Amino acid sequence: IFKVVLRLSEDLLKLFLWTLAVTFHFRTQLCDDERTVIDDSKAVGTPMEIVIGNMFKLDIWETLLSSMRIGEVAEFWCDIVHTGVYPLVSKSMRRIAEGKDPVDWHIHTCGMANMFAYHSLGYEDLDELMKEPKPLYFVLELLKVQQPSEYDRESWALSDEERLKAVPVLHGQGNKLYKQGRYQEATQKYKEAIICIKNVQTKEKAWEVPWMKLEKMANTLTLNYCQCLLRMEEYYEVIEHTTDIINQHPGIVKAYYLRGKAHVEVWNEAEARQDFSRVLDLNPGMKKAVKKELAILNMRMEEKNEEDKLKYKGILYFSHILII
């Protein structure tokens, strides 16, 4: 590691204490002639936040930031021994910037296995860097330092034990918000709980008992999340999430039921009927609920057929005028 201070700071406070929350801008560059920029938090418009001493995946950043003062800008050259996991960290940061979950719900292997088994990260430059790790430059600007009592600890700042303790609390808060009709707020609680579970789950061996217990918890929360999305008329997202669950766990009745309801709303008649048929196969006791949904489906399809008739009638009328 080599450090070059680009801007000195008059602030004498250095990060010699652990469990401080630090806010900083970063720019990551390749060590080529063009100093190609890989990531730049200023370009995104949002600084990075981590908690020193909380085992951030790219732990070298904790070391680098601990050598800085508030307001300082410094450039660090880091060898590949310190940069091998950067593509994984970068992927999470990019997903957050794009409004997506930092944890990929589709991955079902443990964290260490993912590091060594190649799969696409979804970004070509990160795939290249993953296949062939390289030294990197990190330009860091330390903006703010907070004591533990001065900030709200979000899920990324919790230990695994704290994450698991937070899950039932977040679950309960989400349920309460759902009953109050505050669906957007409820989705945030469910999503945060899911992320807590998935972060812990990556450290377990896939499909073994501890992993499966966490998977069951995550599926329950994901389906609650989907119920909120139905209320928010985000039907295609419901179909996406429920399909993910069904592909991995084809015996979960609620997943078929919610997906069927979403298909009804977007006029996917065949898919809706297939899902509701599967619901009855798995749980005949839901016959009354399915009958109600099929009645709604029939009504929706009749409405759509009438709309289509009027639409085509109008098209034929104007076509006739043009021909005359």
Foldseek 3Di string as FASTA:
>chain_A
DDKDWPDADPAPDAQPDFFKKWWKWKWKFAPDPVRHTDDTVVVLPGTDIAGQPQPDVLNVVSVVRRVGDAQIKMKDKFFLVRCLCVLLVVLLVVCVSVVHHSDDPLDQFAPVVPLVDDDDSPDVVSSVCNVPPGIMMMIMHTHDIGHPVGDDQALNRDDLVVLVVCLVVLQVVLVVCVVVVNLVVSLVSLSSNLSSLSVNLNHDGGPDDVNVVSVVSNVVSLLSNLVSCVVVLVLVVLLVSLVSVCVVPVLDLSSLQSNLLSCLVVLVLVSNVVSLVVSCVNPVVCVVVSVVSVVSSVVSVVVVVVVVVVVVVVVVVVVVVVVD
